[in-house]
Amino acid sequence: MAGCYECIGKTPFASLIAGLICIIGVGVFCGSLYRALSLIIEGVLNSQFYFNVGWLEVIQIVFIIIAVCMAVLAIILMVFGYLATGATRENLYSGTKCIMGGRVSACFFMVVSYLLGMAWIVILSVMVVPIIVYASISQICDMEVYSKTATSFHYCFNLTQFGIYRNESYPAGTAIPGREALCEHYEVKPMCDKVLEAGPLFSVAYGGAFCIVLGMILFMICLAANYTRIKISKELTQYRDAVEMEELDIHSLTDKKTPISF
């Protein structure tokens, strides 16, 4: 039982919760965003409009790399939280140089967490854009596609309305591949199906990004607390040793003053 209590005392629950929130957010963000962008790139642009948008593929790869780096950082911060908790902190940060190194590490991770938190707030704001586009296209599909038949359909869906254009950097006289508009019911309906499938995934990715931001905020709180604990670790250890020595001296004096009865 004592070993169980000791193990619990060494567990950095706050850092552990922050790390789990961050890792879960990374997993949700990675999976949902990758799938959503795959549906848009392959299911809509390649299959329906017959051209590629290079920057969307770059965004897909960059966000995955960033998310994986975030997961690694979350694990590192959890390890640091474990090293700065309970008896582990007292054993590890007992010397002056060790305490200074711990404080510098805590400051460094606080700065990194702050910068990454700001970066993920920007990503969180950017993720609003595909959700708004999804809501707009969903309304168009409901009003112009799903509520009409092939004979009553009279609508052209144009990508240029959303700022997406084909690559026009081809030599003069060369036919530009692909198209920018869909004007037939049998063409627009599959596009709507793919967009309506990808839209909720963008919303889930937004939730994952929010979890990452929340995890970064919790990590900053934990690191600030760990910085303070490491700072006063030496003083607390010296005070505890002084109290124990004083108690031993009092007990020894009491034993000497106690008369021996026969």
Protein backbone atom coordinates (compact mmCIF):
# COMPACT_ATOMS: atom_id res chain seq x y z
CA MET A 1 0.00 0.00 0.00
CA ALA A 2 2.84 2.39 0.84
CA GLY A 3 4.44 1.67 -2.53
CA CYS A 4 1.13 2.44 -4.24
CA TYR A 5 0.89 5.79 -2.44
CA GLU A 6 4.49 6.55 -3.36
CA CYS A 7 3.80 5.76 -7.02
CA ILE A 8 0.72 8.00 -6.98
CA GLY A 9 2.77 10.77 -5.39
CA LYS A 10 5.28 10.57 -8.25
CA THR A 11 2.60 10.73 -10.95
CA PRO A 12 2.20 14.17 -12.60
CA PHE A 13 -1.57 13.99 -13.07
CA ALA A 14 -1.87 17.53 -14.48
CA SER A 15 0.85 16.94 -17.09
CA LEU A 16 -0.58 13.50 -17.82
CA ILE A 17 -4.06 14.93 -18.47
CA ALA A 18 -2.62 17.73 -20.62
CA GLY A 19 -0.56 15.22 -22.60
CA LEU A 20 -3.53 12.90 -23.17
CA ILE A 21 -5.71 15.80 -24.31
CA CYS A 22 -2.96 16.96 -26.67
CA ILE A 23 -2.25 13.48 -28.08
CA ILE A 24 -5.96 12.73 -28.56
CA GLY A 25 -6.37 16.10 -30.26
CA VAL A 26 -3.42 15.37 -32.54
CA GLY A 27 -4.86 11.98 -33.49
CA VAL A 28 -8.30 13.41 -34.21
CA PHE A 29 -6.87 16.37 -36.12
CA CYS A 30 -4.50 14.23 -38.21
CA GLY A 31 -6.99 11.53 -39.12
CA SER A 32 -10.00 13.72 -39.87
CA LEU A 33 -8.10 16.44 -41.75
CA TYR A 34 -6.15 13.96 -43.87
CA ARG A 35 -9.34 12.11 -44.81
CA ALA A 36 -11.26 15.33 -45.51
CA LEU A 37 -8.53 16.74 -47.75
CA SER A 38 -8.23 13.39 -49.54
CA LEU A 39 -11.95 13.51 -50.32
CA ILE A 40 -11.66 17.05 -51.67
CA ILE A 41 -8.44 16.48 -53.64
CA GLU A 42 -9.16 13.03 -55.06
CA GLY A 43 -12.94 12.79 -54.94
CA VAL A 44 -13.78 16.30 -56.14
CA LEU A 45 -10.86 18.04 -57.86
CA ASN A 46 -9.23 15.04 -59.55
CA SER A 47 -12.40 13.08 -60.32
CA GLN A 48 -14.86 15.88 -61.12
CA PHE A 49 -12.77 18.85 -62.26
CA TYR A 50 -9.78 16.88 -63.59
CA PHE A 51 -6.99 19.08 -62.20
CA ASN A 52 -4.83 19.31 -59.10
CA VAL A 53 -4.47 22.15 -56.60
CA GLY A 54 -0.86 21.94 -55.44
CA TRP A 55 -1.21 24.07 -52.33
CA LEU A 56 -3.94 21.82 -50.94
CA GLU A 57 -1.61 18.82 -51.15
CA VAL A 58 1.15 20.84 -49.48
CA ILE A 59 -1.23 21.83 -46.66
CA GLN A 60 -2.19 18.19 -46.21
CA ILE A 61 1.44 17.13 -45.75
CA VAL A 62 2.50 20.13 -43.63
CA PHE A 63 -0.36 19.75 -41.16
CA ILE A 64 0.40 16.06 -40.70
CA ILE A 65 4.08 16.81 -39.99
CA ILE A 66 3.14 19.55 -37.51
CA ALA A 67 0.69 17.27 -35.74
CA VAL A 68 3.26 14.46 -35.38
CA CYS A 69 5.79 16.94 -33.94
CA MET A 70 3.12 18.08 -31.47
CA ALA A 71 2.60 14.50 -30.30
CA VAL A 72 6.35 14.09 -29.72
CA LEU A 73 6.46 17.37 -27.80
CA ALA A 74 3.52 16.29 -25.64
CA ILE A 75 5.39 13.11 -24.67
CA ILE A 76 8.53 15.14 -23.82
CA LEU A 77 6.50 17.52 -21.65
CA MET A 78 4.90 14.59 -19.83
CA VAL A 79 8.35 13.16 -19.09
CA PHE A 80 9.50 16.55 -17.79
CA GLY A 81 6.39 16.73 -15.61
CA TYR A 82 7.24 13.32 -14.16
CA LEU A 83 10.82 14.44 -13.40
CA ALA A 84 9.53 17.56 -11.61
CA THR A 85 6.99 15.77 -9.41
CA GLY A 86 7.27 14.42 -5.86
CA ALA A 87 10.30 12.52 -4.65
CA THR A 88 11.72 12.37 -8.17
CA ARG A 89 12.08 16.15 -8.12
CA GLU A 90 13.79 16.06 -4.72
CA ASN A 91 16.30 13.45 -5.88
CA LEU A 92 16.94 14.91 -9.32
CA TYR A 93 17.03 18.63 -8.52
CA SER A 94 18.95 18.58 -5.26
CA GLY A 95 22.12 20.45 -6.27
CA THR A 96 22.44 24.09 -7.26
CA LYS A 97 23.40 23.31 -10.87
CA CYS A 98 20.62 20.75 -11.18
CA ILE A 99 18.06 23.23 -9.87
CA MET A 100 19.28 25.89 -12.32
CA GLY A 101 19.13 23.39 -15.19
CA GLY A 102 15.60 22.42 -14.21
CA ARG A 103 14.51 26.05 -14.07
CA VAL A 104 16.05 26.78 -17.48
CA SER A 105 14.36 23.69 -18.94
CA ALA A 106 11.00 24.73 -17.49
CA CYS A 107 11.40 28.26 -18.92
CA PHE A 108 12.37 26.87 -22.32
CA PHE A 109 9.39 24.53 -22.47
CA MET A 110 7.08 27.33 -21.30
CA VAL A 111 8.24 29.54 -24.18
CA VAL A 112 7.88 26.66 -26.66
CA SER A 113 4.40 25.83 -25.35
CA TYR A 114 3.37 29.48 -25.57
CA LEU A 115 4.58 29.87 -29.16
CA LEU A 116 2.99 26.59 -30.25
CA GLY A 117 -0.22 27.54 -28.46
CA MET A 118 -0.33 30.78 -30.44
CA ALA A 119 0.40 28.87 -33.66
CA TRP A 120 -2.42 26.43 -32.99
CA ILE A 121 -4.80 29.29 -32.24
CA VAL A 122 -3.99 30.55 -35.75
CA ILE A 123 -4.59 27.05 -37.16
CA LEU A 124 -7.85 26.91 -35.19
CA SER A 125 -8.91 30.17 -36.83
CA VAL A 126 -7.92 28.92 -40.29
CA MET A 127 -9.99 25.76 -39.78
CA VAL A 128 -13.10 27.96 -39.66
CA VAL A 129 -12.68 28.66 -43.40
CA PRO A 130 -13.40 25.12 -44.72
CA ILE A 131 -16.31 24.83 -42.28
CA ILE A 132 -17.84 28.04 -43.67
CA VAL A 133 -17.23 26.82 -47.25
CA TYR A 134 -18.84 23.49 -46.34
CA ALA A 135 -21.89 25.28 -44.94
CA SER A 136 -22.18 27.38 -48.10
CA ILE A 137 -21.85 24.43 -50.49
CA SER A 138 -24.23 22.38 -48.36
CA GLN A 139 -26.87 25.08 -48.72
CA ILE A 140 -26.26 25.24 -52.47
CA CYS A 141 -26.57 21.47 -52.77
CA ASP A 142 -29.80 21.38 -50.77
CA MET A 143 -31.43 24.19 -52.75
CA GLU A 144 -30.06 23.57 -56.25
CA VAL A 145 -29.25 19.85 -56.47
CA TYR A 146 -31.02 17.55 -54.01
CA SER A 147 -34.36 19.32 -54.29
CA LYS A 148 -34.41 19.14 -58.10
CA THR A 149 -34.39 16.49 -60.76
CA ALA A 150 -32.14 16.26 -63.80
CA THR A 151 -34.76 17.93 -66.00
CA SER A 152 -35.42 20.86 -63.64
CA PHE A 153 -31.74 21.44 -62.85
CA HIS A 154 -30.41 24.78 -64.18
CA TYR A 155 -27.35 25.60 -62.09
CA CYS A 156 -23.61 25.74 -62.77
CA PHE A 157 -21.23 25.20 -59.87
CA ASN A 158 -18.05 27.23 -60.48
CA LEU A 159 -14.86 26.85 -58.43
CA THR A 160 -13.77 30.40 -59.21
CA GLN A 161 -16.50 31.61 -56.85
CA PHE A 162 -14.39 30.14 -54.04
CA GLY A 163 -11.04 31.44 -55.30
CA ILE A 164 -9.85 28.12 -56.81
CA TYR A 165 -8.42 28.31 -60.33
CA ARG A 166 -6.69 25.92 -62.65
CA ASN A 167 -2.97 26.23 -63.22
CA GLU A 168 -2.73 28.75 -66.05
CA SER A 169 1.08 28.84 -66.29
CA TYR A 170 1.07 26.93 -69.57
CA PRO A 171 2.59 28.16 -72.85
CA ALA A 172 0.32 30.05 -75.21
CA GLY A 173 -1.71 27.75 -77.41
CA THR A 174 -1.55 24.85 -74.93
CA ALA A 175 -4.88 23.55 -73.69
CA ILE A 176 -5.21 23.94 -69.92
CA PRO A 177 -6.24 20.60 -68.39
CA GLY A 178 -9.42 20.27 -66.38
CA ARG A 179 -12.43 22.51 -65.98
CA GLU A 180 -13.69 25.03 -63.45
CA ALA A 181 -17.47 24.53 -63.67
CA LEU A 182 -20.00 21.70 -63.42
CA CYS A 183 -23.32 22.35 -65.12
CA GLU A 184 -25.02 18.96 -65.26
CA HIS A 185 -27.04 17.35 -62.49
CA TYR A 186 -25.20 14.03 -62.75
CA GLU A 187 -21.89 15.91 -62.36
CA VAL A 188 -22.82 18.21 -59.49
CA LYS A 189 -24.55 15.57 -57.36
CA PRO A 190 -21.44 13.36 -56.84
CA MET A 191 -19.47 16.51 -56.00
CA CYS A 192 -22.08 17.44 -53.39
CA ASP A 193 -21.93 13.93 -51.93
CA LYS A 194 -18.15 14.18 -51.46
CA VAL A 195 -18.33 17.68 -49.98
CA LEU A 196 -21.07 16.66 -47.55
CA GLU A 197 -18.91 13.71 -46.51
CA ALA A 198 -15.80 15.85 -46.03
CA GLY A 199 -17.53 18.75 -44.24
CA PRO A 200 -18.18 17.00 -40.90
CA LEU A 201 -14.57 15.78 -40.93
CA PHE A 202 -13.37 19.39 -41.08
CA SER A 203 -15.58 20.11 -38.07
CA VAL A 204 -14.05 17.16 -36.21
CA ALA A 205 -10.57 18.42 -37.13
CA TYR A 206 -11.54 21.79 -35.68
CA GLY A 207 -12.43 20.03 -32.43
CA GLY A 208 -9.07 18.25 -32.48
CA ALA A 209 -7.24 21.56 -32.94
CA PHE A 210 -9.22 22.99 -30.01
CA CYS A 211 -8.09 20.06 -27.84
CA ILE A 212 -4.47 20.75 -28.81
CA VAL A 213 -4.83 24.42 -27.82
CA LEU A 214 -6.38 23.37 -24.51
CA GLY A 215 -3.53 20.90 -23.94
CA MET A 216 -0.94 23.63 -24.59
CA ILE A 217 -2.64 25.93 -22.07
CA LEU A 218 -2.63 23.17 -19.45
CA PHE A 219 1.02 22.43 -20.19
CA MET A 220 1.93 26.09 -19.65
CA ILE A 221 0.15 26.04 -16.29
CA CYS A 222 1.94 22.82 -15.29
CA LEU A 223 5.32 24.16 -16.41
CA ALA A 224 4.83 27.37 -14.43
CA ALA A 225 4.00 25.31 -11.34
CA ASN A 226 6.98 23.00 -11.94
CA TYR A 227 9.28 26.01 -12.35
CA THR A 228 8.22 27.29 -8.92
CA ARG A 229 8.56 23.86 -7.32
CA ILE A 230 12.03 23.33 -8.73
CA LYS A 231 13.03 26.81 -7.61
CA ILE A 232 12.12 26.15 -3.98
CA SER A 233 13.09 22.47 -4.01
CA LYS A 234 16.53 23.05 -2.46
CA GLU A 235 15.17 25.38 0.23
CA LEU A 236 12.47 22.89 1.18
CA THR A 237 14.97 20.06 1.35
CA GLN A 238 17.32 22.06 3.57
CA TYR A 239 14.44 23.13 5.80
CA ARG A 240 13.20 19.55 6.14
CA ASP A 241 16.70 18.32 7.03
CA ALA A 242 17.08 21.09 9.61
CA VAL A 243 13.73 20.20 11.22
CA GLU A 244 14.67 16.52 11.35
CA MET A 245 18.05 17.34 12.93
CA GLU A 246 16.35 19.57 15.48
CA GLU A 247 13.89 16.83 16.38
CA LEU A 248 16.75 14.37 16.81
CA ASP A 249 18.58 16.81 19.08
CA ILE A 250 15.43 17.33 21.17
CA HIS A 251 14.90 13.58 21.50
CA SER A 252 18.53 13.02 22.49
CA LEU A 253 18.35 15.78 25.14
CA THR A 254 15.09 14.35 26.46
CA ASP A 255 16.64 10.91 26.75
CA LYS A 256 19.62 12.31 28.68
CA LYS A 257 17.40 14.21 31.15
CA THR A 258 15.15 11.22 31.83
CA PRO A 259 16.31 9.61 35.18
CA ILE A 260 17.01 5.94 35.23
CA SER A 261 14.84 4.16 37.84
CA PHE A 262 15.83 0.87 39.45
